[in-house]
């Protein structure tokens, strides 16, 4: 059963969402859409646990993995808009220790577009060090680049969060999770957490690892650039533990519902965002890289932390679209040309050989067909 509401114009989205369950692709999740800053769809269904004892509810939260990166990038963009951070300036201007071992010239543009040569740590790091923030940040600041900064793109799966988050902390005086809570989620009245309070644990969905997830991890670890996923290594079910949920990992552990993400991106797409001026948004979303990810040979394009020209946005999305996907299925993006904010979240981490998730493609196609 699909719960929630849609504008009559978007009735086909409900059918598309229901088909994902009928075809055995979905276990539990939600989809939300805003147009012109107004909600036109807010749907959810299925179960929030493997045993199917917890129905998915309107306020169910789920770990959205790398879709968190888009919100961390928004935090940087807000500070850049205030003149507290500068994309074309070295990261070390804000984080002096970062200049160690030949990193003094690495700019925010490079760091946020996965061109910093820091796709993982050069020293062993356990999960406790990641969760504690400071050990991971200090190790990142102390290391030498793994390859020449600016010479290529290699996805910075975990380190991105600290490359963005430590400057946010230093420029704002708040941890990245607190900044996002007070400057983004709070003003918009949405549920998005980087560092989930224990009192909200009852809302968190259980992550379920699909059969192809391990195949994807093995493929990435066999690439010439395995650092992103090896140190520390993560399991798809990591978010089911309190320690992961409590930590602030701005590259991977955002907890959100679909409406929260759609509202954030819908605000940006509407042209009337209270978070960013039009000039600041244009600066944040201009291209920094357009080429091939050296780690998996896939075409990729990035702005300052936002992914551009992602095939997952669908064939009808405008070239101006920006956002970020997450491991196993989550997706959120803005299409300014359509004044659209879209988000899909799921606890069922399937993974697909060609990288295209049929669930979200059905949903996105239904949305654009309704516009």
Protein backbone atom coordinates (compact mmCIF):
# COMPACT_ATOMS: atom_id res chain seq x y z
CA UNK A 1 0.00 0.00 0.00
CA UNK A 2 1.29 3.44 -0.96
CA UNK A 3 0.55 6.17 1.58
CA UNK A 4 0.70 9.95 1.25
CA UNK A 5 -0.61 12.52 -1.15
CA UNK A 6 -0.04 13.77 -4.68
CA UNK A 7 -1.37 16.61 -6.74
CA UNK A 8 -3.78 15.04 -9.29
CA UNK A 9 -1.37 16.00 -12.04
CA UNK A 10 1.23 13.66 -10.51
CA UNK A 11 -1.04 10.66 -9.97
CA UNK A 12 1.16 8.51 -12.23
CA UNK A 13 3.98 8.89 -9.73
CA UNK A 14 1.97 6.88 -7.21
CA UNK A 15 1.51 4.15 -9.83
CA UNK A 16 5.22 4.15 -10.64
CA UNK A 17 6.12 3.87 -6.96
CA UNK A 18 3.63 1.04 -6.46
CA UNK A 19 5.15 -0.83 -9.42
CA UNK A 20 8.52 -0.92 -7.66
CA UNK A 21 6.94 -2.90 -4.82
CA UNK A 22 4.86 -5.08 -7.15
CA UNK A 23 7.99 -6.04 -9.11
CA UNK A 24 9.95 -6.94 -5.98
CA UNK A 25 12.42 -4.09 -6.31
CA UNK A 26 11.40 -2.15 -3.23
CA UNK A 27 11.21 -3.07 0.46
CA UNK A 28 10.53 0.33 1.99
CA UNK A 29 11.06 3.92 0.94
CA UNK A 30 9.64 7.29 0.06
CA UNK A 31 9.53 9.81 -2.80
CA UNK A 32 8.76 13.51 -2.68
CA UNK A 33 8.55 16.29 -5.25
CA UNK A 34 8.33 20.07 -5.03
CA UNK A 35 7.53 22.38 -7.96
CA UNK A 36 7.81 26.14 -7.60
CA UNK A 37 8.67 25.57 -3.94
CA UNK A 38 5.38 23.78 -3.23
CA UNK A 39 4.95 20.06 -2.45
CA UNK A 40 3.14 18.19 -5.23
CA UNK A 41 3.93 14.66 -4.04
CA UNK A 42 4.85 13.09 -0.71
CA UNK A 43 4.57 9.29 -0.84
CA UNK A 44 5.85 6.42 1.25
CA UNK A 45 5.31 2.70 1.56
CA UNK A 46 6.63 -0.70 2.57
CA UNK A 47 8.55 -1.49 5.73
CA UNK A 48 11.42 0.11 7.61
CA UNK A 49 12.96 -3.16 8.80
CA UNK A 50 14.09 -6.42 7.24
CA UNK A 51 11.56 -8.47 9.22
CA UNK A 52 8.67 -6.31 7.91
CA UNK A 53 7.39 -5.54 11.39
CA UNK A 54 7.75 -1.73 11.14
CA UNK A 55 5.61 -0.03 8.51
CA UNK A 56 7.33 2.87 6.75
CA UNK A 57 5.80 6.06 8.14
CA UNK A 58 5.65 9.68 7.11
CA UNK A 59 8.48 10.52 9.53
CA UNK A 60 10.72 7.49 8.89
CA UNK A 61 14.35 8.47 8.47
CA UNK A 62 16.91 6.59 6.41
CA UNK A 63 20.66 6.85 5.91
CA UNK A 64 21.08 8.48 2.49
CA UNK A 65 24.81 7.81 2.13
CA UNK A 66 26.45 10.12 -0.43
CA UNK A 67 23.29 12.12 -0.96
CA UNK A 68 24.61 13.75 2.24
CA UNK A 69 27.37 15.29 0.12
CA UNK A 70 24.91 17.59 -1.60
CA UNK A 71 23.81 19.07 1.71
CA UNK A 72 27.40 19.40 2.93
CA UNK A 73 28.12 21.23 -0.34
CA UNK A 74 25.19 23.53 0.36
CA UNK A 75 26.69 24.37 3.75
CA UNK A 76 29.95 25.36 2.04
CA UNK A 77 28.01 27.35 -0.56
CA UNK A 78 26.22 29.31 2.16
CA UNK A 79 29.50 30.26 3.81
CA UNK A 80 30.99 31.12 0.42
CA UNK A 81 28.01 33.36 -0.22
CA UNK A 82 28.80 35.15 3.03
CA UNK A 83 32.44 35.60 2.03
CA UNK A 84 33.68 33.27 4.78
CA UNK A 85 34.96 30.64 2.34
CA UNK A 86 36.29 31.12 -1.19
CA UNK A 87 36.20 28.40 -3.83
CA UNK A 88 39.28 29.64 -5.67
CA UNK A 89 41.39 29.97 -2.53
CA UNK A 90 43.44 27.25 -0.81
CA UNK A 91 41.73 25.09 1.78
CA UNK A 92 44.69 25.90 4.02
CA UNK A 93 43.55 29.53 4.22
CA UNK A 94 40.78 28.29 6.52
CA UNK A 95 42.48 25.14 7.81
CA UNK A 96 46.20 25.98 8.19
CA UNK A 97 47.28 22.47 9.24
CA UNK A 98 46.00 21.21 5.89
CA UNK A 99 48.99 22.78 4.13
CA UNK A 100 51.28 20.01 5.40
CA UNK A 101 53.06 17.71 2.95
CA UNK A 102 52.57 19.73 -0.18
CA UNK A 103 48.84 20.49 0.11
CA UNK A 104 49.11 24.24 0.56
CA UNK A 105 47.90 25.05 -2.96
CA UNK A 106 44.87 22.72 -3.04
CA UNK A 107 41.79 24.89 -3.52
CA UNK A 108 38.22 24.39 -2.41
CA UNK A 109 37.31 24.01 -6.08
CA UNK A 110 39.64 21.00 -6.30
CA UNK A 111 38.66 19.53 -2.94
CA UNK A 112 34.92 19.74 -3.61
CA UNK A 113 35.20 18.32 -7.12
CA UNK A 114 37.17 15.22 -6.09
CA UNK A 115 40.44 16.44 -7.62
CA UNK A 116 42.48 16.93 -4.44
CA UNK A 117 44.38 13.64 -4.50
CA UNK A 118 42.90 12.73 -1.13
CA UNK A 119 40.42 10.01 -1.99
CA UNK A 120 41.38 8.17 1.20
CA UNK A 121 43.81 8.23 4.08
CA UNK A 122 47.46 7.20 3.84
CA UNK A 123 47.53 5.86 7.41
CA UNK A 124 45.30 3.19 8.97
CA UNK A 125 42.05 4.51 10.41
CA UNK A 126 39.46 2.55 12.34
CA UNK A 127 35.77 3.34 12.63
CA UNK A 128 36.25 4.92 16.05
CA UNK A 129 38.61 7.45 14.49
CA UNK A 130 36.08 8.23 11.78
CA UNK A 131 33.28 8.60 14.30
CA UNK A 132 35.32 10.89 16.57
CA UNK A 133 35.97 13.41 13.74
CA UNK A 134 39.29 14.80 14.96
CA UNK A 135 41.49 11.73 14.31
CA UNK A 136 40.25 11.46 10.73
CA UNK A 137 40.52 15.21 10.09
CA UNK A 138 44.02 15.38 11.55
CA UNK A 139 45.18 12.40 9.47
CA UNK A 140 43.80 14.02 6.34
CA UNK A 141 45.54 17.30 7.14
CA UNK A 142 48.88 15.61 7.80
CA UNK A 143 49.10 13.36 4.73
CA UNK A 144 50.61 13.98 1.32
CA UNK A 145 48.33 13.74 -1.72
CA UNK A 146 47.99 10.25 -3.16
CA UNK A 147 48.35 11.70 -6.66
CA UNK A 148 48.96 15.12 -8.20
CA UNK A 149 46.08 17.43 -7.21
CA UNK A 150 44.15 18.70 -10.20
CA UNK A 151 45.47 15.99 -12.51
CA UNK A 152 42.39 13.75 -12.45
CA UNK A 153 39.07 12.99 -10.80
CA UNK A 154 38.83 10.14 -8.29
CA UNK A 155 35.71 9.93 -6.16
CA UNK A 156 36.43 10.89 -2.52
CA UNK A 157 33.78 8.66 -0.92
CA UNK A 158 34.44 9.41 2.77
CA UNK A 159 37.17 12.04 2.82
CA UNK A 160 34.93 14.51 0.97
CA UNK A 161 32.88 14.98 4.13
CA UNK A 162 35.87 16.13 6.13
CA UNK A 163 37.32 18.20 3.27
CA UNK A 164 34.04 20.11 3.30
CA UNK A 165 33.15 19.77 6.96
CA UNK A 166 36.33 20.88 8.70
CA UNK A 167 36.38 24.23 6.84
CA UNK A 168 32.68 24.63 7.67
CA UNK A 169 33.54 24.06 11.32
CA UNK A 170 36.37 26.57 11.29
CA UNK A 171 34.56 29.23 9.27
CA UNK A 172 31.27 29.02 11.19
CA UNK A 173 32.34 27.96 14.67
CA UNK A 174 29.88 25.06 14.49
CA UNK A 175 30.35 21.41 13.68
CA UNK A 176 29.01 20.57 10.22
CA UNK A 177 26.09 18.66 11.73
CA UNK A 178 25.15 21.60 13.96
CA UNK A 179 25.49 24.05 11.07
CA UNK A 180 23.20 21.95 8.89
CA UNK A 181 20.69 21.59 11.74
CA UNK A 182 20.57 25.31 12.55
CA UNK A 183 21.14 26.94 9.16
CA UNK A 184 19.48 24.51 6.73
CA UNK A 185 17.12 21.99 8.33
CA UNK A 186 15.81 24.36 11.01
CA UNK A 187 14.87 27.30 8.77
CA UNK A 188 13.19 24.97 6.26
CA UNK A 189 11.45 22.94 8.97
CA UNK A 190 12.72 19.60 7.65
CA UNK A 191 14.19 16.42 9.12
CA UNK A 192 17.77 16.15 7.99
CA UNK A 193 20.44 15.08 10.45
CA UNK A 194 24.20 14.66 10.26
CA UNK A 195 24.59 13.23 13.73
CA UNK A 196 21.25 11.70 14.72
CA UNK A 197 20.15 12.38 18.32
CA UNK A 198 19.45 9.17 20.21
CA UNK A 199 15.91 10.36 20.86
CA UNK A 200 15.29 10.08 17.08
CA UNK A 201 16.59 6.50 16.77
CA UNK A 202 13.08 5.06 16.70
CA UNK A 203 12.50 6.81 13.36
CA UNK A 204 15.55 5.30 11.63
CA UNK A 205 15.03 2.58 9.04
CA UNK A 206 17.15 -0.56 9.03
CA UNK A 207 19.50 -0.67 6.05
CA UNK A 208 19.28 -3.89 4.02
CA UNK A 209 22.18 -4.98 1.81
CA UNK A 210 21.04 -6.30 -1.55
CA UNK A 211 22.86 -9.16 -3.28
CA UNK A 212 24.78 -6.94 -5.72
CA UNK A 213 26.17 -4.52 -3.14
CA UNK A 214 29.15 -6.76 -2.32
CA UNK A 215 29.90 -7.13 -6.04
CA UNK A 216 30.10 -3.34 -6.38
CA UNK A 217 32.41 -3.02 -3.38
CA UNK A 218 34.74 -5.70 -4.73
CA UNK A 219 34.82 -3.94 -8.11
CA UNK A 220 35.78 -0.63 -6.54
CA UNK A 221 38.43 -2.19 -4.31
CA UNK A 222 39.99 -3.77 -7.38
CA UNK A 223 40.34 -0.38 -9.08
CA UNK A 224 43.67 1.52 -9.18
CA UNK A 225 42.25 3.85 -6.49
CA UNK A 226 40.79 1.70 -3.70
CA UNK A 227 41.50 4.14 -0.87
CA UNK A 228 37.99 5.59 -0.72
CA UNK A 229 36.40 2.37 0.51
CA UNK A 230 39.23 0.62 2.33
CA UNK A 231 40.23 2.85 5.21
CA UNK A 232 38.14 2.32 7.22
CA UNK A 233 36.11 -0.29 5.38
CA UNK A 234 32.34 0.02 5.65
CA UNK A 235 29.45 -2.39 5.46
CA UNK A 236 26.12 -1.50 3.92
CA UNK A 237 24.54 -2.22 7.29
CA UNK A 238 26.88 0.15 9.20
CA UNK A 239 24.10 2.76 9.63
CA UNK A 240 22.09 0.33 11.77
CA UNK A 241 24.39 1.00 14.74
CA UNK A 242 24.06 3.86 17.20
CA UNK A 243 27.74 4.83 16.85
CA UNK A 244 27.36 5.49 13.11
CA UNK A 245 24.13 7.41 13.55
CA UNK A 246 25.56 9.57 16.34
CA UNK A 247 28.71 10.53 14.43
CA UNK A 248 29.04 13.43 12.01
CA UNK A 249 30.17 12.08 8.64
CA UNK A 250 29.12 14.74 6.10
CA UNK A 251 30.07 12.56 3.17
CA UNK A 252 27.93 9.56 4.08
CA UNK A 253 25.70 9.49 7.17
CA UNK A 254 22.89 11.97 6.65
CA UNK A 255 19.58 10.70 8.01
CA UNK A 256 16.58 12.12 6.18
CA UNK A 257 13.12 11.56 4.82
CA UNK A 258 12.33 12.19 1.17
CA UNK A 259 10.36 15.36 1.83
CA UNK A 260 13.33 16.92 3.63
CA UNK A 261 15.65 16.44 0.68
CA UNK A 262 13.03 17.47 -1.87
CA UNK A 263 12.28 20.60 0.16
CA UNK A 264 15.95 21.59 0.33
CA UNK A 265 16.48 21.14 -3.40
CA UNK A 266 13.06 22.55 -4.22
CA UNK A 267 13.99 25.72 -2.37
CA UNK A 268 17.15 26.03 -4.47
CA UNK A 269 15.32 25.26 -7.72
CA UNK A 270 12.52 27.75 -7.12
CA UNK A 271 14.76 30.81 -7.47
CA UNK A 272 13.44 32.10 -4.15
CA UNK A 273 15.68 30.30 -1.69
CA UNK A 274 16.14 31.83 1.73
CA UNK A 275 19.39 29.89 2.02
CA UNK A 276 21.37 31.20 -0.95
CA UNK A 277 21.28 34.18 -3.26
CA UNK A 278 21.01 33.50 -6.96
CA UNK A 279 24.60 34.61 -7.41
CA UNK A 280 25.86 32.29 -4.67
CA UNK A 281 23.92 29.36 -6.10
CA UNK A 282 25.25 30.00 -9.60
CA UNK A 283 28.78 30.09 -8.20
CA UNK A 284 28.29 26.82 -6.32
CA UNK A 285 26.81 24.97 -9.29
CA UNK A 286 29.12 26.06 -12.11
CA UNK A 287 31.18 23.17 -13.55
CA UNK A 288 34.55 22.31 -12.01
CA UNK A 289 35.13 18.99 -13.74
CA UNK A 290 33.71 17.26 -16.79
CA UNK A 291 35.46 14.07 -17.84
CA UNK A 292 36.04 10.54 -16.55
CA UNK A 293 36.36 9.18 -13.01
CA UNK A 294 39.76 7.50 -13.01
CA UNK A 295 38.63 4.98 -10.39
CA UNK A 296 35.95 3.33 -12.52
CA UNK A 297 36.26 4.93 -16.01
CA UNK A 298 32.73 6.35 -15.80
CA UNK A 299 31.78 9.77 -17.28
CA UNK A 300 31.29 12.30 -14.53
CA UNK A 301 30.79 16.03 -14.08
CA UNK A 302 30.88 18.04 -10.88
CA UNK A 303 30.32 21.52 -9.57
CA UNK A 304 31.48 22.45 -6.05
CA UNK A 305 30.32 19.17 -4.53
CA UNK A 306 27.13 18.82 -6.58
CA UNK A 307 27.00 16.25 -9.36
CA UNK A 308 26.10 17.59 -12.81
CA UNK A 309 24.81 15.82 -15.93
CA UNK A 310 24.09 12.66 -13.96
CA UNK A 311 22.27 10.08 -16.11
CA UNK A 312 20.33 9.18 -12.98
CA UNK A 313 18.51 12.54 -13.19
CA UNK A 314 16.76 11.14 -16.26
CA UNK A 315 16.83 12.04 -19.93
CA UNK A 316 14.41 14.92 -19.52
CA UNK A 317 16.22 16.81 -16.76
CA UNK A 318 17.74 20.09 -17.87
CA UNK A 319 21.53 20.50 -18.17
CA UNK A 320 21.31 22.88 -15.21
CA UNK A 321 20.23 20.10 -12.84
CA UNK A 322 22.41 19.43 -9.81
CA UNK A 323 22.31 17.17 -6.76
CA UNK A 324 23.75 13.90 -5.54
CA UNK A 325 22.93 10.20 -5.36
CA UNK A 326 23.68 7.82 -2.52
CA UNK A 327 25.01 4.26 -2.32
CA UNK A 328 22.30 1.72 -2.96
CA UNK A 329 19.57 3.99 -4.30
CA UNK A 330 18.99 7.36 -2.61
CA UNK A 331 18.77 10.34 -4.96
CA UNK A 332 18.02 14.05 -4.58
CA UNK A 333 18.41 16.86 -7.09
CA UNK A 334 17.20 20.23 -8.27
CA UNK A 335 16.20 21.14 -11.81
CA UNK A 336 16.07 24.95 -11.92
CA UNK A 337 14.62 24.96 -15.45
CA UNK A 338 11.62 22.98 -14.23
CA UNK A 339 11.70 24.65 -10.78
CA UNK A 340 11.75 21.08 -9.48
CA UNK A 341 13.09 19.46 -6.32
CA UNK A 342 13.06 15.65 -6.34
CA UNK A 343 14.07 13.07 -3.72
CA UNK A 344 13.84 9.32 -3.37
CA UNK A 345 15.06 7.37 -0.33
CA UNK A 346 15.12 3.64 0.39
CA UNK A 347 16.41 1.13 2.93
CA UNK A 348 16.78 -1.55 0.25
CA UNK A 349 20.32 -1.21 -1.11
CA UNK A 350 20.14 -3.20 -4.31
CA UNK A 351 23.01 -2.11 -6.55
CA UNK A 352 22.87 -2.65 -10.31
CA UNK A 353 25.47 -3.79 -12.82
CA UNK A 354 25.02 -0.76 -15.09
CA UNK A 355 24.66 1.74 -12.27
CA UNK A 356 21.11 2.65 -13.27
CA UNK A 357 18.52 2.02 -10.56
CA UNK A 358 15.17 1.19 -12.23
CA UNK A 359 13.25 2.30 -9.16
CA UNK A 360 14.29 5.90 -9.24
CA UNK A 361 14.22 5.98 -13.03
CA UNK A 362 10.56 5.00 -13.00
CA UNK A 363 9.85 7.70 -10.46
CA UNK A 364 11.79 10.43 -12.25
CA UNK A 365 10.24 9.55 -15.60
CA UNK A 366 6.75 9.77 -14.07
CA UNK A 367 7.55 13.19 -12.63
CA UNK A 368 8.79 14.65 -15.91
CA UNK A 369 5.89 13.12 -17.80
CA UNK A 370 3.58 15.06 -15.47
CA UNK A 371 5.27 18.43 -15.91
